[in-house]
Amino acid sequence: MIAGVDPGRQGAVCFMSEDSRVAFPFSDLGGEIDLVELRTLLEEYKPKTIYIEEVHAIFGSSAGATFSFGAGYGSLIGLFVGLQIPFVRIKPKTWQASFFSLGGKLAPKERKQRCLKAAKELFPKENFLATERSKIPHSGIVDATLLAHYALRVYG
C-alpha cells in the first residue's frame, strides 16, 4: 500500500495497492488541513511510502495565500516525519506528463480537465466525488489518485 497526496487546500490522499484503491478529500477546519483526521487515515491504511506533489509558490497568489499553502505543505511533511513514514516529493509536471501532453503552458482549468479525463480513462467506474451529495468531481481526489497510480507504476 502506498499513498498519493495532493497537498492543496482542496487536496486529498489516495491509498493504492495493486488490487485496491480508496481516496479521501482533506477535511477543512478554518482554512487548514485536518491533520488529526489524516493521521488516523495514515495509521489505518499504513502506507509503506507516501508520494506527495512537490509544490511551489503560485504566480499571482497573494503573500498570505502563499504562506498558508506553504504552511500546510510543511505540516504534512512534519506529520509524515513524525509517523516515520518515508515520503517522496514528485513534481506535478513529472506525474502529469505520464498521462497527457504538457505541450505549451496549460491554464489551470485545462490541466484539471486533462487530469479528470486521464483519471476517468484509468478508472471508468469511479466518479471522483468528495461526497454523495457532490455534483462536481473533486480535483484533489483526481490528482491524488493519478499521483498514486504514477508512483505505483514507477516506484512499485
N, C-alpha and C. Protein backbone atom coordinates (compact mmCIF):
# COMPACT_ATOMS: atom_id res chain seq x y z
N MET A 1 0.85 -1.18 0.00
CA MET A 1 0.00 0.00 0.00
C MET A 1 0.89 1.24 0.00
N ILE A 2 0.59 2.16 -0.91
CA ILE A 2 1.28 3.45 -0.94
C ILE A 2 0.20 4.54 -0.85
N ALA A 3 0.63 5.77 -0.69
CA ALA A 3 -0.31 6.89 -0.65
C ALA A 3 0.17 7.98 -1.59
N GLY A 4 -0.78 8.55 -2.33
CA GLY A 4 -0.52 9.72 -3.14
C GLY A 4 -1.21 10.90 -2.48
N VAL A 5 -0.51 12.03 -2.37
CA VAL A 5 -1.08 13.18 -1.67
C VAL A 5 -1.03 14.42 -2.54
N ASP A 6 -2.20 15.02 -2.75
CA ASP A 6 -2.30 16.35 -3.35
C ASP A 6 -2.40 17.31 -2.15
N PRO A 7 -1.37 18.13 -1.91
CA PRO A 7 -1.30 18.91 -0.67
C PRO A 7 -2.10 20.21 -0.63
N GLY A 8 -2.85 20.53 -1.65
CA GLY A 8 -3.58 21.79 -1.67
C GLY A 8 -4.68 21.85 -0.64
N ARG A 9 -5.24 23.05 -0.46
CA ARG A 9 -6.34 23.23 0.48
C ARG A 9 -7.52 22.35 0.08
N GLN A 10 -7.73 22.19 -1.20
CA GLN A 10 -8.75 21.28 -1.70
C GLN A 10 -8.10 19.95 -2.07
N GLY A 11 -7.10 19.56 -1.30
CA GLY A 11 -6.32 18.36 -1.59
C GLY A 11 -6.99 17.09 -1.12
N ALA A 12 -6.23 16.01 -1.27
CA ALA A 12 -6.76 14.69 -0.92
C ALA A 12 -5.61 13.72 -0.78
N VAL A 13 -5.95 12.55 -0.25
CA VAL A 13 -5.00 11.45 -0.17
C VAL A 13 -5.65 10.23 -0.82
N CYS A 14 -4.85 9.49 -1.57
CA CYS A 14 -5.33 8.25 -2.19
C CYS A 14 -4.41 7.12 -1.75
N PHE A 15 -4.99 6.10 -1.15
CA PHE A 15 -4.25 4.91 -0.77
C PHE A 15 -4.46 3.89 -1.89
N MET A 16 -3.35 3.31 -2.37
CA MET A 16 -3.45 2.43 -3.52
C MET A 16 -2.47 1.27 -3.39
N SER A 17 -2.95 0.11 -3.81
CA SER A 17 -2.10 -1.07 -3.96
C SER A 17 -2.44 -1.65 -5.32
N GLU A 18 -1.85 -2.79 -5.66
CA GLU A 18 -2.12 -3.40 -6.96
C GLU A 18 -3.60 -3.78 -7.12
N ASP A 19 -4.28 -4.08 -6.00
CA ASP A 19 -5.66 -4.55 -6.11
C ASP A 19 -6.69 -3.73 -5.35
N SER A 20 -6.30 -2.57 -4.81
CA SER A 20 -7.29 -1.75 -4.12
C SER A 20 -6.92 -0.27 -4.22
N ARG A 21 -7.96 0.54 -4.04
CA ARG A 21 -7.77 1.98 -4.12
C ARG A 21 -8.90 2.65 -3.37
N VAL A 22 -8.54 3.64 -2.54
CA VAL A 22 -9.53 4.43 -1.83
C VAL A 22 -8.95 5.83 -1.65
N ALA A 23 -9.79 6.84 -1.82
CA ALA A 23 -9.33 8.23 -1.70
C ALA A 23 -10.23 9.02 -0.77
N PHE A 24 -9.63 9.99 -0.11
CA PHE A 24 -10.34 10.85 0.83
C PHE A 24 -9.95 12.30 0.60
N PRO A 25 -10.93 13.20 0.49
CA PRO A 25 -10.57 14.61 0.43
C PRO A 25 -10.14 15.08 1.81
N PHE A 26 -9.28 16.09 1.85
CA PHE A 26 -8.89 16.64 3.14
C PHE A 26 -10.07 17.42 3.71
N SER A 27 -10.39 17.17 4.95
CA SER A 27 -11.40 17.98 5.62
C SER A 27 -10.77 19.33 5.91
N ASP A 28 -11.57 20.34 5.90
CA ASP A 28 -11.07 21.69 6.08
C ASP A 28 -11.59 22.27 7.39
N LEU A 29 -10.68 22.64 8.27
CA LEU A 29 -11.04 23.27 9.53
C LEU A 29 -10.44 24.66 9.58
N GLY A 30 -11.24 25.67 9.33
CA GLY A 30 -10.75 27.04 9.42
C GLY A 30 -9.61 27.34 8.47
N GLY A 31 -9.62 26.75 7.29
CA GLY A 31 -8.59 27.04 6.31
C GLY A 31 -7.35 26.18 6.42
N GLU A 32 -7.36 25.18 7.29
CA GLU A 32 -6.19 24.31 7.44
C GLU A 32 -6.59 22.85 7.25
N ILE A 33 -5.63 22.06 6.82
CA ILE A 33 -5.85 20.62 6.65
C ILE A 33 -6.06 19.99 8.02
N ASP A 34 -7.03 19.10 8.13
CA ASP A 34 -7.29 18.40 9.39
C ASP A 34 -6.24 17.28 9.54
N LEU A 35 -5.15 17.62 10.22
CA LEU A 35 -4.04 16.68 10.37
C LEU A 35 -4.38 15.51 11.28
N VAL A 36 -5.30 15.71 12.21
CA VAL A 36 -5.71 14.61 13.10
C VAL A 36 -6.45 13.55 12.29
N GLU A 37 -7.35 13.99 11.43
CA GLU A 37 -8.08 13.06 10.57
C GLU A 37 -7.11 12.34 9.62
N LEU A 38 -6.18 13.08 9.04
CA LEU A 38 -5.22 12.46 8.14
C LEU A 38 -4.33 11.47 8.88
N ARG A 39 -3.92 11.81 10.09
CA ARG A 39 -3.10 10.87 10.87
C ARG A 39 -3.87 9.56 11.10
N THR A 40 -5.15 9.67 11.42
CA THR A 40 -5.97 8.48 11.64
C THR A 40 -6.01 7.61 10.38
N LEU A 41 -6.16 8.25 9.21
CA LEU A 41 -6.18 7.50 7.95
C LEU A 41 -4.83 6.84 7.68
N LEU A 42 -3.74 7.57 7.92
CA LEU A 42 -2.40 7.01 7.69
C LEU A 42 -2.14 5.82 8.62
N GLU A 43 -2.60 5.91 9.86
CA GLU A 43 -2.42 4.80 10.80
C GLU A 43 -3.29 3.60 10.42
N GLU A 44 -4.45 3.87 9.82
CA GLU A 44 -5.34 2.78 9.41
C GLU A 44 -4.83 2.07 8.16
N TYR A 45 -4.42 2.81 7.15
CA TYR A 45 -4.02 2.22 5.88
C TYR A 45 -2.54 1.83 5.82
N LYS A 46 -1.73 2.39 6.69
CA LYS A 46 -0.31 2.04 6.83
C LYS A 46 0.45 2.00 5.49
N PRO A 47 0.51 3.12 4.77
CA PRO A 47 1.28 3.10 3.52
C PRO A 47 2.77 2.92 3.80
N LYS A 48 3.45 2.15 2.93
CA LYS A 48 4.89 1.97 3.14
C LYS A 48 5.65 3.22 2.73
N THR A 49 5.11 3.97 1.75
CA THR A 49 5.71 5.22 1.30
C THR A 49 4.60 6.16 0.89
N ILE A 50 4.82 7.45 1.11
CA ILE A 50 3.89 8.48 0.68
C ILE A 50 4.54 9.26 -0.45
N TYR A 51 3.78 9.48 -1.51
CA TYR A 51 4.24 10.26 -2.65
C TYR A 51 3.43 11.55 -2.65
N ILE A 52 4.11 12.66 -2.43
CA ILE A 52 3.43 13.94 -2.30
C ILE A 52 3.84 14.86 -3.45
N GLU A 53 2.87 15.57 -3.95
CA GLU A 53 3.15 16.52 -5.02
C GLU A 53 4.03 17.63 -4.47
N GLU A 54 5.15 17.85 -5.13
CA GLU A 54 6.09 18.91 -4.72
C GLU A 54 5.51 20.25 -5.17
N VAL A 55 5.30 21.13 -4.23
CA VAL A 55 4.65 22.40 -4.55
C VAL A 55 5.62 23.57 -4.47
N HIS A 56 5.19 24.67 -5.03
CA HIS A 56 5.96 25.91 -5.01
C HIS A 56 4.95 27.05 -5.02
N ALA A 57 5.43 28.26 -4.86
CA ALA A 57 4.55 29.42 -4.89
C ALA A 57 3.87 29.52 -6.25
N ILE A 58 2.62 29.92 -6.25
CA ILE A 58 1.86 30.07 -7.49
C ILE A 58 1.89 31.53 -7.90
N PHE A 59 2.34 31.78 -9.12
CA PHE A 59 2.44 33.14 -9.63
C PHE A 59 1.09 33.83 -9.54
N GLY A 60 1.09 35.03 -9.00
CA GLY A 60 -0.13 35.81 -8.89
C GLY A 60 -0.88 35.62 -7.59
N SER A 61 -0.46 34.66 -6.77
CA SER A 61 -1.12 34.45 -5.48
C SER A 61 -0.65 35.50 -4.49
N SER A 62 -1.51 35.84 -3.57
CA SER A 62 -1.14 36.81 -2.54
C SER A 62 -0.10 36.21 -1.60
N ALA A 63 0.60 37.08 -0.91
CA ALA A 63 1.61 36.61 0.05
C ALA A 63 0.95 35.75 1.13
N GLY A 64 -0.22 36.15 1.58
CA GLY A 64 -0.92 35.38 2.62
C GLY A 64 -1.31 34.00 2.14
N ALA A 65 -1.82 33.91 0.91
CA ALA A 65 -2.21 32.61 0.36
C ALA A 65 -1.00 31.72 0.17
N THR A 66 0.10 32.31 -0.30
CA THR A 66 1.33 31.54 -0.49
C THR A 66 1.86 31.03 0.83
N PHE A 67 1.84 31.89 1.86
CA PHE A 67 2.31 31.48 3.19
C PHE A 67 1.44 30.35 3.73
N SER A 68 0.13 30.48 3.60
CA SER A 68 -0.80 29.47 4.10
C SER A 68 -0.58 28.13 3.39
N PHE A 69 -0.39 28.19 2.07
CA PHE A 69 -0.16 26.99 1.28
C PHE A 69 1.13 26.30 1.72
N GLY A 70 2.18 27.09 1.90
CA GLY A 70 3.46 26.54 2.35
C GLY A 70 3.39 25.96 3.75
N ALA A 71 2.63 26.63 4.62
CA ALA A 71 2.48 26.13 5.99
C ALA A 71 1.76 24.78 5.99
N GLY A 72 0.74 24.64 5.15
CA GLY A 72 0.02 23.37 5.05
C GLY A 72 0.92 22.26 4.53
N TYR A 73 1.72 22.57 3.52
CA TYR A 73 2.66 21.60 2.95
C TYR A 73 3.67 21.17 4.02
N GLY A 74 4.21 22.14 4.74
CA GLY A 74 5.17 21.82 5.81
C GLY A 74 4.55 20.98 6.91
N SER A 75 3.29 21.25 7.23
CA SER A 75 2.60 20.46 8.25
C SER A 75 2.45 19.01 7.81
N LEU A 76 2.16 18.80 6.53
CA LEU A 76 2.04 17.44 6.02
C LEU A 76 3.38 16.71 6.12
N ILE A 77 4.45 17.36 5.70
CA ILE A 77 5.78 16.75 5.78
C ILE A 77 6.11 16.42 7.24
N GLY A 78 5.80 17.35 8.14
CA GLY A 78 6.04 17.11 9.57
C GLY A 78 5.26 15.91 10.08
N LEU A 79 4.03 15.74 9.63
CA LEU A 79 3.22 14.59 10.03
C LEU A 79 3.86 13.29 9.54
N PHE A 80 4.31 13.27 8.29
CA PHE A 80 4.93 12.06 7.74
C PHE A 80 6.20 11.71 8.52
N VAL A 81 7.00 12.73 8.81
CA VAL A 81 8.24 12.51 9.57
C VAL A 81 7.91 12.01 10.97
N GLY A 82 6.94 12.63 11.61
CA GLY A 82 6.54 12.23 12.96
C GLY A 82 6.04 10.80 13.03
N LEU A 83 5.35 10.37 11.98
CA LEU A 83 4.85 8.99 11.93
C LEU A 83 5.88 8.01 11.37
N GLN A 84 7.03 8.53 10.99
CA GLN A 84 8.14 7.75 10.44
C GLN A 84 7.73 6.99 9.18
N ILE A 85 6.99 7.70 8.31
CA ILE A 85 6.61 7.13 7.02
C ILE A 85 7.48 7.80 5.96
N PRO A 86 8.25 7.02 5.22
CA PRO A 86 9.08 7.61 4.17
C PRO A 86 8.20 8.32 3.14
N PHE A 87 8.71 9.42 2.59
CA PHE A 87 7.96 10.14 1.58
C PHE A 87 8.88 10.58 0.45
N VAL A 88 8.27 10.75 -0.72
CA VAL A 88 8.98 11.16 -1.92
C VAL A 88 8.20 12.34 -2.51
N ARG A 89 8.92 13.40 -2.83
CA ARG A 89 8.30 14.56 -3.49
C ARG A 89 8.36 14.34 -5.00
N ILE A 90 7.23 14.56 -5.67
CA ILE A 90 7.17 14.41 -7.13
C ILE A 90 6.59 15.69 -7.73
N LYS A 91 7.31 16.25 -8.68
CA LYS A 91 6.85 17.48 -9.33
C LYS A 91 5.59 17.19 -10.14
N PRO A 92 4.65 18.14 -10.14
CA PRO A 92 3.41 17.93 -10.89
C PRO A 92 3.66 17.60 -12.36
N LYS A 93 4.59 18.31 -12.99
CA LYS A 93 4.85 18.07 -14.42
C LYS A 93 5.37 16.66 -14.66
N THR A 94 6.04 16.08 -13.68
CA THR A 94 6.58 14.73 -13.84
C THR A 94 5.46 13.71 -13.94
N TRP A 95 4.54 13.71 -12.95
CA TRP A 95 3.48 12.70 -12.99
C TRP A 95 2.45 13.03 -14.06
N GLN A 96 2.17 14.31 -14.29
CA GLN A 96 1.17 14.67 -15.31
C GLN A 96 1.63 14.27 -16.71
N ALA A 97 2.93 14.41 -17.00
CA ALA A 97 3.46 14.08 -18.32
C ALA A 97 3.27 12.61 -18.66
N SER A 98 3.09 11.77 -17.65
CA SER A 98 2.88 10.35 -17.94
C SER A 98 1.43 10.06 -18.34
N PHE A 99 0.54 11.05 -18.18
CA PHE A 99 -0.87 10.86 -18.51
C PHE A 99 -1.34 11.67 -19.71
N PHE A 100 -0.70 12.82 -19.95
CA PHE A 100 -1.10 13.65 -21.09
C PHE A 100 0.02 14.60 -21.47
N SER A 101 -0.08 15.12 -22.70
CA SER A 101 0.94 16.03 -23.22
C SER A 101 0.88 17.37 -22.50
N LEU A 102 2.04 17.89 -22.13
CA LEU A 102 2.11 19.18 -21.47
C LEU A 102 2.58 20.27 -22.44
N GLY A 103 2.48 20.00 -23.74
CA GLY A 103 2.95 20.95 -24.74
C GLY A 103 2.43 22.35 -24.49
N GLY A 104 3.33 23.30 -24.36
CA GLY A 104 2.95 24.68 -24.08
C GLY A 104 2.48 24.84 -22.65
N LYS A 105 2.07 26.04 -22.32
CA LYS A 105 1.56 26.29 -20.96
C LYS A 105 0.08 25.97 -20.92
N LEU A 106 -0.32 25.21 -19.92
CA LEU A 106 -1.72 24.87 -19.74
C LEU A 106 -2.32 25.78 -18.68
N ALA A 107 -3.48 26.30 -18.96
CA ALA A 107 -4.21 27.06 -17.95
C ALA A 107 -4.65 26.07 -16.87
N PRO A 108 -4.76 26.52 -15.62
CA PRO A 108 -5.17 25.59 -14.54
C PRO A 108 -6.44 24.81 -14.85
N LYS A 109 -7.43 25.48 -15.46
CA LYS A 109 -8.69 24.79 -15.77
C LYS A 109 -8.46 23.67 -16.79
N GLU A 110 -7.64 23.94 -17.80
CA GLU A 110 -7.36 22.93 -18.81
C GLU A 110 -6.58 21.76 -18.21
N ARG A 111 -5.63 22.06 -17.30
CA ARG A 111 -4.88 20.99 -16.64
C ARG A 111 -5.82 20.11 -15.83
N LYS A 112 -6.75 20.73 -15.10
CA LYS A 112 -7.70 19.95 -14.30
C LYS A 112 -8.59 19.08 -15.20
N GLN A 113 -9.00 19.61 -16.34
CA GLN A 113 -9.82 18.84 -17.28
C GLN A 113 -9.05 17.64 -17.82
N ARG A 114 -7.78 17.86 -18.15
CA ARG A 114 -6.95 16.75 -18.67
C ARG A 114 -6.72 15.69 -17.60
N CYS A 115 -6.51 16.13 -16.37
CA CYS A 115 -6.33 15.16 -15.28
C CYS A 115 -7.59 14.34 -15.08
N LEU A 116 -8.74 15.00 -15.09
CA LEU A 116 -10.01 14.28 -14.91
C LEU A 116 -10.22 13.28 -16.05
N LYS A 117 -9.95 13.68 -17.27
CA LYS A 117 -10.10 12.77 -18.41
C LYS A 117 -9.19 11.55 -18.25
N ALA A 118 -7.94 11.78 -17.87
CA ALA A 118 -6.99 10.67 -17.69
C ALA A 118 -7.46 9.74 -16.57
N ALA A 119 -7.94 10.32 -15.47
CA ALA A 119 -8.41 9.51 -14.34
C ALA A 119 -9.62 8.67 -14.72
N LYS A 120 -10.54 9.25 -15.48
CA LYS A 120 -11.73 8.51 -15.89
C LYS A 120 -11.39 7.40 -16.89
N GLU A 121 -10.35 7.60 -17.68
CA GLU A 121 -9.91 6.54 -18.59
C GLU A 121 -9.31 5.37 -17.81
N LEU A 122 -8.56 5.69 -16.75
CA LEU A 122 -7.96 4.63 -15.94
C LEU A 122 -8.98 3.93 -15.05
N PHE A 123 -9.91 4.70 -14.50
CA PHE A 123 -10.88 4.18 -13.53
C PHE A 123 -12.29 4.59 -13.97
N PRO A 124 -12.82 3.97 -15.03
CA PRO A 124 -14.10 4.40 -15.60
C PRO A 124 -15.31 4.29 -14.67
N LYS A 125 -15.23 3.45 -13.65
CA LYS A 125 -16.36 3.30 -12.74
C LYS A 125 -16.33 4.30 -11.59
N GLU A 126 -15.24 5.04 -11.45
CA GLU A 126 -15.07 6.00 -10.36
C GLU A 126 -15.70 7.34 -10.73
N ASN A 127 -16.37 7.98 -9.76
CA ASN A 127 -16.97 9.29 -10.04
C ASN A 127 -16.11 10.45 -9.49
N PHE A 128 -15.17 10.16 -8.61
CA PHE A 128 -14.25 11.15 -8.05
C PHE A 128 -14.96 12.26 -7.28
N LEU A 129 -16.12 11.97 -6.73
CA LEU A 129 -16.86 12.95 -5.94
C LEU A 129 -16.39 12.90 -4.49
N ALA A 130 -16.39 14.06 -3.84
CA ALA A 130 -15.96 14.14 -2.45
C ALA A 130 -16.99 13.53 -1.51
N THR A 131 -18.28 13.71 -1.82
CA THR A 131 -19.37 13.17 -1.01
C THR A 131 -20.47 12.67 -1.94
N GLU A 132 -21.43 11.99 -1.38
CA GLU A 132 -22.57 11.51 -2.19
C GLU A 132 -23.39 12.68 -2.73
N ARG A 133 -23.37 13.80 -2.04
CA ARG A 133 -24.14 14.97 -2.46
C ARG A 133 -23.40 15.83 -3.48
N SER A 134 -22.11 15.59 -3.65
CA SER A 134 -21.31 16.37 -4.59
C SER A 134 -21.76 16.13 -6.02
N LYS A 135 -21.64 17.15 -6.86
CA LYS A 135 -22.01 17.03 -8.26
C LYS A 135 -20.81 17.18 -9.19
N ILE A 136 -19.74 17.78 -8.70
CA ILE A 136 -18.54 18.03 -9.50
C ILE A 136 -17.40 17.18 -8.95
N PRO A 137 -16.66 16.49 -9.82
CA PRO A 137 -15.51 15.71 -9.35
C PRO A 137 -14.54 16.58 -8.55
N HIS A 138 -13.99 16.02 -7.50
CA HIS A 138 -13.07 16.72 -6.59
C HIS A 138 -11.67 16.66 -7.20
N SER A 139 -11.11 17.81 -7.56
CA SER A 139 -9.81 17.83 -8.24
C SER A 139 -8.70 17.26 -7.37
N GLY A 140 -8.80 17.41 -6.06
CA GLY A 140 -7.79 16.83 -5.17
C GLY A 140 -7.80 15.31 -5.22
N ILE A 141 -8.99 14.73 -5.24
CA ILE A 141 -9.10 13.27 -5.34
C ILE A 141 -8.56 12.79 -6.68
N VAL A 142 -8.88 13.52 -7.74
CA VAL A 142 -8.38 13.17 -9.08
C VAL A 142 -6.86 13.19 -9.07
N ASP A 143 -6.27 14.29 -8.60
CA ASP A 143 -4.81 14.43 -8.62
C ASP A 143 -4.13 13.41 -7.72
N ALA A 144 -4.66 13.20 -6.52
CA ALA A 144 -4.06 12.22 -5.60
C ALA A 144 -4.11 10.82 -6.18
N THR A 145 -5.21 10.49 -6.87
CA THR A 145 -5.36 9.18 -7.50
C THR A 145 -4.36 9.00 -8.63
N LEU A 146 -4.23 10.01 -9.48
CA LEU A 146 -3.26 9.92 -10.58
C LEU A 146 -1.83 9.85 -10.05
N LEU A 147 -1.53 10.64 -9.04
CA LEU A 147 -0.19 10.62 -8.45
C LEU A 147 0.12 9.24 -7.86
N ALA A 148 -0.84 8.67 -7.14
CA ALA A 148 -0.64 7.33 -6.56
C ALA A 148 -0.46 6.29 -7.66
N HIS A 149 -1.26 6.38 -8.71
CA HIS A 149 -1.14 5.44 -9.82
C HIS A 149 0.23 5.56 -10.48
N TYR A 150 0.67 6.79 -10.70
CA TYR A 150 2.00 7.02 -11.27
C TYR A 150 3.07 6.40 -10.37
N ALA A 151 3.01 6.68 -9.08
CA ALA A 151 4.03 6.19 -8.13
C ALA A 151 4.03 4.66 -8.07
N LEU A 152 2.87 4.05 -8.10
CA LEU A 152 2.81 2.59 -8.06
C LEU A 152 3.47 1.98 -9.31
N ARG A 153 3.25 2.61 -10.47
CA ARG A 153 3.85 2.13 -11.71
C ARG A 153 5.36 2.34 -11.72
N VAL A 154 5.80 3.52 -11.30
CA VAL A 154 7.22 3.88 -11.41
C VAL A 154 8.06 3.33 -10.26
N TYR A 155 7.55 3.41 -9.05
CA TYR A 155 8.33 3.03 -7.87
C TYR A 155 7.95 1.67 -7.31
N GLY A 156 6.78 1.17 -7.72
CA GLY A 156 6.35 -0.14 -7.23
C GLY A 156 5.85 -0.05 -5.89
